[in-house]
């Protein structure tokens, strides 16, 4: 089973069906906060809603098309991060992440994203890693900006967020740049 140790306090692990209760409880407790930027929150109304999703995430990993992993901080599930999918022919991927609001401000996501970029470039041999964030999601945008990713531009009406479209900012880093940023 996949796991990634980011540092002494932070690690990533694939979720299993037995984790459905824990991930549901985390999302449900932080539903109002998460809903602001994540379009799937309203669809996850009960623990059982996570069982097929976890199965889908495990199949994604098994087919070598990225992964969605729980972020563990000091052993406690605090959010999720992973590769949306991997375009092996063009050697690129994109990273997604979310964190419960009461764990923010500790560098958890910044360190996690750095670990994921290392994994993509060093372990998987990818050339390009992208992150897209809502234009007005300043907390999320601070992650790629803090680690020196290049802002490529704004993608207009990129995502339907419940009842409205919103613009996203596209950031990227290339393998040759990442070696110099570390």
N, C-alpha and C. Protein backbone atom coordinates (compact mmCIF):
# COMPACT_ATOMS: atom_id res chain seq x y z
N UNK A 1 0.85 -1.18 0.00
CA UNK A 1 0.00 0.00 0.00
C UNK A 1 0.89 1.24 0.00
N UNK A 2 0.51 2.25 -0.77
CA UNK A 2 1.28 3.48 -0.91
C UNK A 2 1.21 4.31 0.37
N UNK A 3 2.36 4.86 0.72
CA UNK A 3 2.41 5.91 1.74
C UNK A 3 3.61 6.79 1.41
N UNK A 4 3.56 8.02 1.83
CA UNK A 4 4.65 8.97 1.58
C UNK A 4 4.90 9.74 2.86
N UNK A 5 6.10 9.62 3.39
CA UNK A 5 6.48 10.36 4.59
C UNK A 5 7.02 11.71 4.15
N UNK A 6 6.35 12.77 4.55
CA UNK A 6 6.74 14.13 4.17
C UNK A 6 7.78 14.66 5.15
N UNK A 7 7.52 14.52 6.43
CA UNK A 7 8.47 14.87 7.49
C UNK A 7 8.09 14.09 8.75
N UNK A 8 8.64 14.46 9.88
CA UNK A 8 8.36 13.71 11.12
C UNK A 8 6.90 13.76 11.52
N UNK A 9 6.17 14.81 11.14
CA UNK A 9 4.77 14.97 11.56
C UNK A 9 3.75 14.70 10.46
N UNK A 10 4.17 14.75 9.20
CA UNK A 10 3.24 14.70 8.07
C UNK A 10 3.53 13.50 7.19
N UNK A 11 2.46 12.77 6.86
CA UNK A 11 2.59 11.68 5.90
C UNK A 11 1.30 11.57 5.10
N UNK A 12 1.38 10.89 3.98
CA UNK A 12 0.22 10.63 3.14
C UNK A 12 0.00 9.13 3.10
N UNK A 13 -1.28 8.72 3.08
CA UNK A 13 -1.59 7.30 2.95
C UNK A 13 -2.85 7.14 2.13
N UNK A 14 -2.89 6.08 1.34
CA UNK A 14 -4.10 5.76 0.61
C UNK A 14 -5.18 5.39 1.61
N UNK A 15 -6.38 5.86 1.36
CA UNK A 15 -7.49 5.52 2.23
C UNK A 15 -8.09 4.19 1.78
N UNK A 16 -8.59 3.45 2.74
CA UNK A 16 -9.26 2.18 2.48
C UNK A 16 -10.71 2.33 2.90
N UNK A 17 -11.54 1.35 2.54
CA UNK A 17 -12.97 1.43 2.89
C UNK A 17 -13.17 1.61 4.39
N UNK A 18 -12.30 1.05 5.19
CA UNK A 18 -12.44 1.19 6.64
C UNK A 18 -12.25 2.64 7.10
N UNK A 19 -11.68 3.49 6.22
CA UNK A 19 -11.47 4.91 6.55
C UNK A 19 -12.67 5.79 6.20
N UNK A 20 -13.73 5.20 5.65
CA UNK A 20 -14.89 5.98 5.20
C UNK A 20 -15.49 6.79 6.34
N UNK A 21 -15.59 6.23 7.50
CA UNK A 21 -16.19 6.95 8.63
C UNK A 21 -15.34 8.16 9.01
N UNK A 22 -14.02 7.97 9.04
CA UNK A 22 -13.13 9.06 9.45
C UNK A 22 -13.13 10.20 8.42
N UNK A 23 -13.09 9.88 7.13
CA UNK A 23 -13.07 10.94 6.12
C UNK A 23 -14.43 11.65 6.08
N UNK A 24 -15.52 10.88 6.23
CA UNK A 24 -16.84 11.51 6.28
C UNK A 24 -16.93 12.47 7.47
N UNK A 25 -16.50 12.03 8.63
CA UNK A 25 -16.57 12.87 9.84
C UNK A 25 -15.77 14.15 9.67
N UNK A 26 -14.59 14.04 9.06
CA UNK A 26 -13.75 15.21 8.85
C UNK A 26 -14.43 16.20 7.91
N UNK A 27 -14.94 15.72 6.80
CA UNK A 27 -15.62 16.60 5.84
C UNK A 27 -16.87 17.19 6.47
N UNK A 28 -17.64 16.36 7.16
CA UNK A 28 -18.89 16.84 7.74
C UNK A 28 -18.64 17.93 8.79
N UNK A 29 -17.60 17.76 9.58
CA UNK A 29 -17.27 18.75 10.62
C UNK A 29 -16.84 20.08 10.01
N UNK A 30 -16.25 20.04 8.83
CA UNK A 30 -15.72 21.25 8.19
C UNK A 30 -16.47 21.59 6.90
N UNK A 31 -17.67 21.07 6.78
CA UNK A 31 -18.47 21.19 5.55
C UNK A 31 -18.63 22.63 5.07
N UNK A 32 -19.00 23.54 5.95
CA UNK A 32 -19.23 24.93 5.55
C UNK A 32 -17.96 25.55 4.98
N UNK A 33 -16.85 25.32 5.64
CA UNK A 33 -15.58 25.87 5.18
C UNK A 33 -15.18 25.25 3.83
N UNK A 34 -15.22 23.92 3.72
CA UNK A 34 -14.78 23.23 2.51
C UNK A 34 -15.66 23.55 1.31
N UNK A 35 -16.95 23.74 1.56
CA UNK A 35 -17.90 23.99 0.49
C UNK A 35 -17.57 25.25 -0.30
N UNK A 36 -16.90 26.19 0.33
CA UNK A 36 -16.60 27.45 -0.35
C UNK A 36 -15.81 27.24 -1.64
N UNK A 37 -14.92 26.23 -1.68
CA UNK A 37 -14.06 26.04 -2.85
C UNK A 37 -14.11 24.64 -3.45
N UNK A 38 -14.80 23.70 -2.84
CA UNK A 38 -14.83 22.32 -3.34
C UNK A 38 -16.24 21.95 -3.81
N UNK A 39 -16.41 21.68 -5.11
CA UNK A 39 -17.74 21.48 -5.65
C UNK A 39 -18.40 20.14 -5.30
N UNK A 40 -17.68 19.22 -4.71
CA UNK A 40 -18.21 17.89 -4.43
C UNK A 40 -18.78 17.73 -3.01
N UNK A 41 -18.58 18.70 -2.15
CA UNK A 41 -18.92 18.56 -0.73
C UNK A 41 -20.40 18.23 -0.52
N UNK A 42 -21.29 18.91 -1.23
CA UNK A 42 -22.72 18.67 -1.02
C UNK A 42 -23.16 17.26 -1.41
N UNK A 43 -22.41 16.61 -2.28
CA UNK A 43 -22.76 15.25 -2.71
C UNK A 43 -22.39 14.19 -1.68
N UNK A 44 -21.59 14.54 -0.71
CA UNK A 44 -21.12 13.57 0.28
C UNK A 44 -21.91 13.75 1.57
N UNK A 45 -23.08 13.11 1.63
CA UNK A 45 -24.04 13.36 2.70
C UNK A 45 -23.99 12.34 3.84
N UNK A 46 -23.34 11.19 3.57
CA UNK A 46 -23.26 10.15 4.59
C UNK A 46 -22.00 9.31 4.38
N UNK A 47 -21.66 8.57 5.40
CA UNK A 47 -20.45 7.75 5.37
C UNK A 47 -20.43 6.82 4.15
N UNK A 48 -21.56 6.22 3.84
CA UNK A 48 -21.64 5.26 2.73
C UNK A 48 -21.31 5.91 1.39
N UNK A 49 -21.45 7.23 1.27
CA UNK A 49 -21.11 7.92 0.02
C UNK A 49 -19.62 7.82 -0.29
N UNK A 50 -18.80 7.62 0.72
CA UNK A 50 -17.35 7.56 0.52
C UNK A 50 -16.86 6.19 0.08
N UNK A 51 -17.63 5.13 0.33
CA UNK A 51 -17.15 3.79 0.00
C UNK A 51 -16.86 3.62 -1.49
N UNK A 52 -17.78 3.98 -2.40
CA UNK A 52 -17.43 3.85 -3.83
C UNK A 52 -16.34 4.82 -4.27
N UNK A 53 -16.27 5.97 -3.63
CA UNK A 53 -15.24 6.95 -3.98
C UNK A 53 -13.86 6.42 -3.57
N UNK A 54 -13.77 5.85 -2.39
CA UNK A 54 -12.49 5.26 -1.94
C UNK A 54 -12.10 4.13 -2.88
N UNK A 55 -13.05 3.32 -3.28
CA UNK A 55 -12.77 2.24 -4.24
C UNK A 55 -12.24 2.81 -5.56
N UNK A 56 -12.85 3.90 -6.02
CA UNK A 56 -12.39 4.56 -7.25
C UNK A 56 -10.96 5.08 -7.08
N UNK A 57 -10.65 5.67 -5.91
CA UNK A 57 -9.30 6.16 -5.65
C UNK A 57 -8.28 5.02 -5.65
N UNK A 58 -8.66 3.89 -5.09
CA UNK A 58 -7.75 2.73 -5.06
C UNK A 58 -7.51 2.20 -6.47
N UNK A 59 -8.55 2.20 -7.30
CA UNK A 59 -8.40 1.77 -8.70
C UNK A 59 -7.52 2.75 -9.47
N UNK A 60 -7.67 4.04 -9.17
CA UNK A 60 -6.83 5.05 -9.82
C UNK A 60 -5.36 4.76 -9.52
N UNK A 61 -5.06 4.48 -8.25
CA UNK A 61 -3.68 4.17 -7.88
C UNK A 61 -3.21 2.88 -8.54
N UNK A 62 -4.04 1.84 -8.51
CA UNK A 62 -3.68 0.54 -9.08
C UNK A 62 -3.42 0.63 -10.59
N UNK A 63 -4.11 1.55 -11.27
CA UNK A 63 -3.91 1.69 -12.71
C UNK A 63 -2.80 2.68 -13.05
N UNK A 64 -2.05 3.12 -12.04
CA UNK A 64 -0.90 4.00 -12.23
C UNK A 64 -1.30 5.33 -12.87
N UNK A 65 -2.45 5.85 -12.40
CA UNK A 65 -2.98 7.10 -12.94
C UNK A 65 -3.13 8.15 -11.85
N UNK A 66 -2.17 8.18 -10.92
CA UNK A 66 -2.20 9.12 -9.82
C UNK A 66 -2.82 8.51 -8.59
N UNK A 67 -3.12 9.34 -7.61
CA UNK A 67 -3.70 8.85 -6.36
C UNK A 67 -4.30 10.00 -5.57
N UNK A 68 -5.20 9.63 -4.69
CA UNK A 68 -5.78 10.58 -3.72
C UNK A 68 -5.45 9.98 -2.36
N UNK A 69 -4.75 10.72 -1.53
CA UNK A 69 -4.28 10.19 -0.25
C UNK A 69 -4.70 11.09 0.90
N UNK A 70 -4.91 10.47 2.03
CA UNK A 70 -5.19 11.23 3.23
C UNK A 70 -3.93 11.89 3.74
N UNK A 71 -4.05 13.12 4.20
CA UNK A 71 -2.93 13.81 4.85
C UNK A 71 -3.04 13.52 6.34
N UNK A 72 -2.02 12.88 6.87
CA UNK A 72 -1.97 12.60 8.30
C UNK A 72 -1.01 13.58 8.96
N UNK A 73 -1.48 14.27 9.96
CA UNK A 73 -0.64 15.17 10.75
C UNK A 73 -0.59 14.61 12.16
N UNK A 74 0.60 14.21 12.56
CA UNK A 74 0.80 13.55 13.86
C UNK A 74 -0.16 12.37 14.01
N UNK A 75 -0.34 11.64 12.90
CA UNK A 75 -1.16 10.44 12.89
C UNK A 75 -2.65 10.66 12.73
N UNK A 76 -3.10 11.90 12.65
CA UNK A 76 -4.54 12.20 12.55
C UNK A 76 -4.87 12.68 11.14
N UNK A 77 -5.96 12.14 10.58
CA UNK A 77 -6.40 12.57 9.26
C UNK A 77 -6.86 14.03 9.31
N UNK A 78 -6.25 14.87 8.47
CA UNK A 78 -6.53 16.31 8.49
C UNK A 78 -6.98 16.86 7.14
N UNK A 79 -6.86 16.07 6.08
CA UNK A 79 -7.21 16.53 4.74
C UNK A 79 -6.81 15.50 3.72
N UNK A 80 -6.74 15.93 2.47
CA UNK A 80 -6.35 15.04 1.38
C UNK A 80 -5.51 15.79 0.36
N UNK A 81 -4.68 15.02 -0.34
CA UNK A 81 -3.87 15.57 -1.42
C UNK A 81 -3.51 14.44 -2.37
N UNK A 82 -3.19 14.79 -3.59
CA UNK A 82 -2.78 13.77 -4.54
C UNK A 82 -2.68 14.30 -5.95
N UNK A 83 -2.44 13.36 -6.87
CA UNK A 83 -2.35 13.66 -8.29
C UNK A 83 -3.71 13.35 -8.92
N UNK A 84 -4.30 14.34 -9.58
CA UNK A 84 -5.60 14.13 -10.22
C UNK A 84 -5.56 12.99 -11.22
N UNK A 85 -4.51 12.89 -11.93
CA UNK A 85 -4.27 11.87 -12.94
C UNK A 85 -2.88 12.10 -13.47
N UNK A 86 -2.34 11.15 -14.20
CA UNK A 86 -1.01 11.33 -14.77
C UNK A 86 -1.09 11.16 -16.28
N UNK A 87 -0.60 12.16 -16.99
CA UNK A 87 -0.48 12.10 -18.45
C UNK A 87 0.94 11.59 -18.73
N UNK A 88 1.05 10.26 -18.85
CA UNK A 88 2.38 9.65 -19.01
C UNK A 88 3.01 10.01 -20.35
N UNK A 89 2.23 10.18 -21.41
CA UNK A 89 2.82 10.48 -22.71
C UNK A 89 3.45 11.87 -22.72
N UNK A 90 2.91 12.80 -21.94
CA UNK A 90 3.49 14.14 -21.85
C UNK A 90 4.22 14.37 -20.53
N UNK A 91 4.31 13.33 -19.71
CA UNK A 91 5.04 13.35 -18.43
C UNK A 91 4.64 14.54 -17.55
N UNK A 92 3.31 14.63 -17.27
CA UNK A 92 2.83 15.71 -16.42
C UNK A 92 1.67 15.25 -15.56
N UNK A 93 1.43 16.01 -14.49
CA UNK A 93 0.32 15.75 -13.59
C UNK A 93 -0.14 17.06 -12.97
N UNK A 94 -1.25 16.99 -12.25
CA UNK A 94 -1.70 18.15 -11.48
C UNK A 94 -2.00 17.69 -10.06
N UNK A 95 -1.80 18.60 -9.14
CA UNK A 95 -1.97 18.31 -7.71
C UNK A 95 -3.23 18.99 -7.21
N UNK A 96 -3.97 18.26 -6.40
CA UNK A 96 -5.12 18.82 -5.69
C UNK A 96 -4.92 18.60 -4.21
N UNK A 97 -5.51 19.47 -3.40
CA UNK A 97 -5.36 19.34 -1.95
C UNK A 97 -6.47 20.09 -1.24
N UNK A 98 -6.75 19.65 -0.03
CA UNK A 98 -7.61 20.39 0.89
C UNK A 98 -7.22 20.00 2.31
N UNK A 99 -7.48 20.91 3.23
CA UNK A 99 -7.09 20.71 4.62
C UNK A 99 -8.19 21.28 5.51
N UNK A 100 -8.52 20.58 6.58
CA UNK A 100 -9.48 21.10 7.55
C UNK A 100 -8.98 22.45 8.06
N UNK A 101 -9.90 23.39 8.23
CA UNK A 101 -9.49 24.76 8.56
C UNK A 101 -8.76 24.86 9.90
N UNK A 102 -9.03 23.99 10.85
CA UNK A 102 -8.35 24.10 12.14
C UNK A 102 -6.90 23.60 12.11
N UNK A 103 -6.45 23.08 10.97
CA UNK A 103 -5.04 22.64 10.85
C UNK A 103 -4.24 23.58 9.95
N UNK A 104 -4.85 24.62 9.46
CA UNK A 104 -4.13 25.53 8.57
C UNK A 104 -3.16 26.41 9.35
N UNK A 105 -2.19 26.94 8.62
CA UNK A 105 -1.20 27.83 9.23
C UNK A 105 -0.03 27.11 9.87
N UNK A 106 0.09 25.81 9.64
CA UNK A 106 1.19 25.02 10.22
C UNK A 106 2.18 24.53 9.16
N UNK A 107 1.96 24.92 7.90
CA UNK A 107 2.84 24.48 6.82
C UNK A 107 2.55 23.07 6.32
N UNK A 108 1.43 22.49 6.75
CA UNK A 108 1.12 21.11 6.38
C UNK A 108 0.97 20.95 4.87
N UNK A 109 0.17 21.80 4.25
CA UNK A 109 -0.06 21.65 2.81
C UNK A 109 1.17 22.07 2.02
N UNK A 110 1.85 23.11 2.45
CA UNK A 110 3.06 23.52 1.74
C UNK A 110 4.07 22.37 1.69
N UNK A 111 4.33 21.75 2.82
CA UNK A 111 5.27 20.62 2.87
C UNK A 111 4.75 19.43 2.08
N UNK A 112 3.44 19.20 2.16
CA UNK A 112 2.84 18.09 1.41
C UNK A 112 3.01 18.30 -0.09
N UNK A 113 2.73 19.50 -0.56
CA UNK A 113 2.87 19.78 -1.99
C UNK A 113 4.32 19.64 -2.42
N UNK A 114 5.26 20.11 -1.62
CA UNK A 114 6.67 19.93 -1.96
C UNK A 114 7.02 18.44 -2.06
N UNK A 115 6.49 17.64 -1.13
CA UNK A 115 6.72 16.20 -1.18
C UNK A 115 6.10 15.57 -2.41
N UNK A 116 4.92 16.04 -2.79
CA UNK A 116 4.27 15.51 -4.00
C UNK A 116 5.04 15.90 -5.26
N UNK A 117 5.55 17.12 -5.31
CA UNK A 117 6.34 17.53 -6.48
C UNK A 117 7.62 16.69 -6.56
N UNK A 118 8.28 16.48 -5.42
CA UNK A 118 9.46 15.60 -5.41
C UNK A 118 9.10 14.21 -5.93
N UNK A 119 7.98 13.67 -5.46
CA UNK A 119 7.53 12.35 -5.89
C UNK A 119 7.29 12.34 -7.40
N UNK A 120 6.60 13.35 -7.92
CA UNK A 120 6.29 13.42 -9.35
C UNK A 120 7.55 13.49 -10.19
N UNK A 121 8.49 14.32 -9.78
CA UNK A 121 9.68 14.56 -10.60
C UNK A 121 10.75 13.48 -10.37
N UNK A 122 11.04 13.18 -9.12
CA UNK A 122 12.13 12.24 -8.82
C UNK A 122 11.69 10.78 -8.97
N UNK A 123 10.57 10.43 -8.33
CA UNK A 123 10.13 9.03 -8.33
C UNK A 123 9.48 8.63 -9.65
N UNK A 124 8.59 9.49 -10.17
CA UNK A 124 7.83 9.14 -11.36
C UNK A 124 8.49 9.62 -12.65
N UNK A 125 9.48 10.50 -12.56
CA UNK A 125 10.17 10.99 -13.75
C UNK A 125 9.34 11.93 -14.60
N UNK A 126 8.40 12.64 -13.97
CA UNK A 126 7.56 13.57 -14.72
C UNK A 126 8.30 14.89 -14.95
N UNK A 127 7.87 15.63 -15.95
CA UNK A 127 8.53 16.88 -16.31
C UNK A 127 7.77 18.11 -15.83
N UNK A 128 6.46 17.98 -15.67
CA UNK A 128 5.64 19.16 -15.37
C UNK A 128 4.60 18.81 -14.30
N UNK A 129 4.45 19.73 -13.35
CA UNK A 129 3.44 19.59 -12.31
C UNK A 129 2.64 20.89 -12.26
N UNK A 130 1.32 20.75 -12.24
CA UNK A 130 0.44 21.92 -12.23
C UNK A 130 -0.40 21.95 -10.96
N UNK A 131 -0.82 23.15 -10.60
CA UNK A 131 -1.81 23.36 -9.55
C UNK A 131 -2.75 24.44 -10.05
N UNK A 132 -4.07 24.23 -9.88
CA UNK A 132 -5.06 25.25 -10.20
C UNK A 132 -5.81 25.61 -8.94
N UNK A 133 -5.99 26.90 -8.72
CA UNK A 133 -6.68 27.40 -7.53
C UNK A 133 -7.68 28.47 -7.96
N UNK A 134 -8.76 28.57 -7.22
CA UNK A 134 -9.70 29.65 -7.47
C UNK A 134 -9.00 30.99 -7.34
N UNK A 135 -9.30 31.91 -8.25
CA UNK A 135 -8.65 33.22 -8.25
C UNK A 135 -8.76 33.90 -6.88
N UNK A 136 -9.90 33.76 -6.24
CA UNK A 136 -10.11 34.42 -4.95
C UNK A 136 -9.79 33.52 -3.75
N UNK A 137 -9.27 32.33 -4.01
CA UNK A 137 -8.90 31.43 -2.92
C UNK A 137 -7.43 31.71 -2.55
N UNK A 138 -7.24 32.79 -1.84
CA UNK A 138 -5.89 33.28 -1.54
C UNK A 138 -5.08 32.32 -0.68
N UNK A 139 -5.72 31.62 0.22
CA UNK A 139 -5.00 30.64 1.05
C UNK A 139 -4.43 29.53 0.18
N UNK A 140 -5.24 29.02 -0.72
CA UNK A 140 -4.77 27.95 -1.60
C UNK A 140 -3.70 28.46 -2.57
N UNK A 141 -3.90 29.64 -3.11
CA UNK A 141 -2.93 30.21 -4.05
C UNK A 141 -1.58 30.48 -3.38
N UNK A 142 -1.58 30.73 -2.08
CA UNK A 142 -0.31 31.02 -1.40
C UNK A 142 0.64 29.82 -1.43
N UNK A 143 0.11 28.61 -1.58
CA UNK A 143 0.96 27.40 -1.58
C UNK A 143 1.88 27.41 -2.81
N UNK A 144 1.34 27.39 -4.05
CA UNK A 144 2.26 27.38 -5.21
C UNK A 144 3.11 28.65 -5.29
N UNK A 145 2.57 29.77 -4.82
CA UNK A 145 3.37 31.01 -4.84
C UNK A 145 4.52 30.93 -3.84
N UNK A 146 4.27 30.37 -2.68
CA UNK A 146 5.31 30.26 -1.64
C UNK A 146 6.47 29.38 -2.09
N UNK A 147 6.17 28.32 -2.83
CA UNK A 147 7.24 27.40 -3.22
C UNK A 147 7.83 27.74 -4.59
N UNK A 148 7.42 28.86 -5.16
CA UNK A 148 8.06 29.37 -6.37
C UNK A 148 7.56 28.80 -7.68
N UNK A 149 6.35 28.27 -7.70
CA UNK A 149 5.80 27.81 -8.97
C UNK A 149 5.48 29.03 -9.84
N UNK A 150 5.48 28.83 -11.14
CA UNK A 150 5.22 29.90 -12.09
C UNK A 150 3.73 30.07 -12.31
N UNK A 151 3.27 31.29 -12.17
CA UNK A 151 1.87 31.60 -12.48
C UNK A 151 1.77 31.75 -13.99
N UNK A 152 0.97 30.89 -14.62
CA UNK A 152 0.86 30.91 -16.08
C UNK A 152 -0.29 31.77 -16.56
N UNK A 153 -1.32 31.92 -15.75
CA UNK A 153 -2.44 32.75 -16.17
C UNK A 153 -3.73 32.35 -15.51
N UNK A 154 -4.80 33.03 -15.91
CA UNK A 154 -6.13 32.79 -15.37
C UNK A 154 -6.95 32.06 -16.43
N UNK A 155 -7.64 31.03 -15.99
CA UNK A 155 -8.55 30.28 -16.85
C UNK A 155 -9.96 30.72 -16.49
N UNK A 156 -10.61 31.40 -17.41
CA UNK A 156 -11.91 32.01 -17.14
C UNK A 156 -13.01 30.96 -17.07
N UNK A 157 -13.95 31.17 -16.12
CA UNK A 157 -15.08 30.26 -15.94
C UNK A 157 -14.66 28.79 -16.01
N UNK A 158 -13.60 28.47 -15.31
CA UNK A 158 -13.00 27.14 -15.41
C UNK A 158 -13.76 26.06 -14.66
N UNK A 159 -14.44 26.42 -13.57
CA UNK A 159 -15.07 25.40 -12.75
C UNK A 159 -16.45 25.86 -12.29
N UNK A 160 -17.39 24.92 -12.36
CA UNK A 160 -18.73 25.19 -11.84
C UNK A 160 -18.72 24.89 -10.35
N UNK A 161 -18.97 25.90 -9.56
CA UNK A 161 -18.97 25.78 -8.11
C UNK A 161 -20.41 26.00 -7.64
N UNK A 162 -21.16 24.89 -7.61
CA UNK A 162 -22.58 24.88 -7.24
C UNK A 162 -23.42 25.70 -8.20
N UNK A 163 -23.61 26.98 -7.93
CA UNK A 163 -24.53 27.76 -8.75
C UNK A 163 -23.84 28.81 -9.61
N UNK A 164 -22.51 28.77 -9.69
CA UNK A 164 -21.81 29.78 -10.49
C UNK A 164 -20.46 29.22 -10.97
N UNK A 165 -19.99 29.78 -12.06
CA UNK A 165 -18.64 29.46 -12.54
C UNK A 165 -17.66 30.40 -11.87
N UNK A 166 -16.44 29.92 -11.68
CA UNK A 166 -15.41 30.82 -11.18
C UNK A 166 -14.12 30.58 -11.95
N UNK A 167 -13.29 31.62 -11.95
CA UNK A 167 -12.00 31.56 -12.63
C UNK A 167 -10.98 30.87 -11.75
N UNK A 168 -10.00 30.22 -12.38
CA UNK A 168 -8.89 29.63 -11.64
C UNK A 168 -7.57 30.18 -12.15
N UNK A 169 -6.56 30.10 -11.29
CA UNK A 169 -5.20 30.48 -11.65
C UNK A 169 -4.42 29.20 -11.86
N UNK A 170 -3.66 29.13 -12.96
CA UNK A 170 -2.84 27.96 -13.26
C UNK A 170 -1.39 28.25 -12.90
N UNK A 171 -0.83 27.38 -12.08
CA UNK A 171 0.59 27.44 -11.70
C UNK A 171 1.26 26.17 -12.21
N UNK A 172 2.56 26.26 -12.48
CA UNK A 172 3.31 25.07 -12.89
C UNK A 172 4.75 25.16 -12.43
N UNK A 173 5.37 23.99 -12.41
CA UNK A 173 6.81 23.90 -12.21
C UNK A 173 7.31 22.78 -13.11
N UNK A 174 8.47 23.00 -13.71
CA UNK A 174 9.09 22.00 -14.57
C UNK A 174 10.23 21.33 -13.82
N UNK A 175 10.56 20.13 -14.22
CA UNK A 175 11.60 19.36 -13.53
C UNK A 175 12.90 20.15 -13.44
N UNK A 176 13.31 20.78 -14.52
CA UNK A 176 14.59 21.51 -14.51
C UNK A 176 14.55 22.72 -13.56
N UNK A 177 13.37 23.28 -13.34
CA UNK A 177 13.23 24.40 -12.41
C UNK A 177 13.19 23.91 -10.96
N UNK A 178 12.55 22.79 -10.73
CA UNK A 178 12.38 22.29 -9.37
C UNK A 178 13.72 21.98 -8.71
N UNK A 179 14.63 21.45 -9.47
CA UNK A 179 15.97 21.15 -8.92
C UNK A 179 16.64 22.40 -8.40
N UNK A 180 16.39 23.54 -9.04
CA UNK A 180 17.00 24.80 -8.61
C UNK A 180 16.25 25.45 -7.46
N UNK A 181 14.97 25.12 -7.28
CA UNK A 181 14.17 25.74 -6.23
C UNK A 181 14.38 25.06 -4.88
N UNK A 182 14.87 23.84 -4.90
CA UNK A 182 15.03 23.09 -3.65
C UNK A 182 16.19 23.57 -2.81
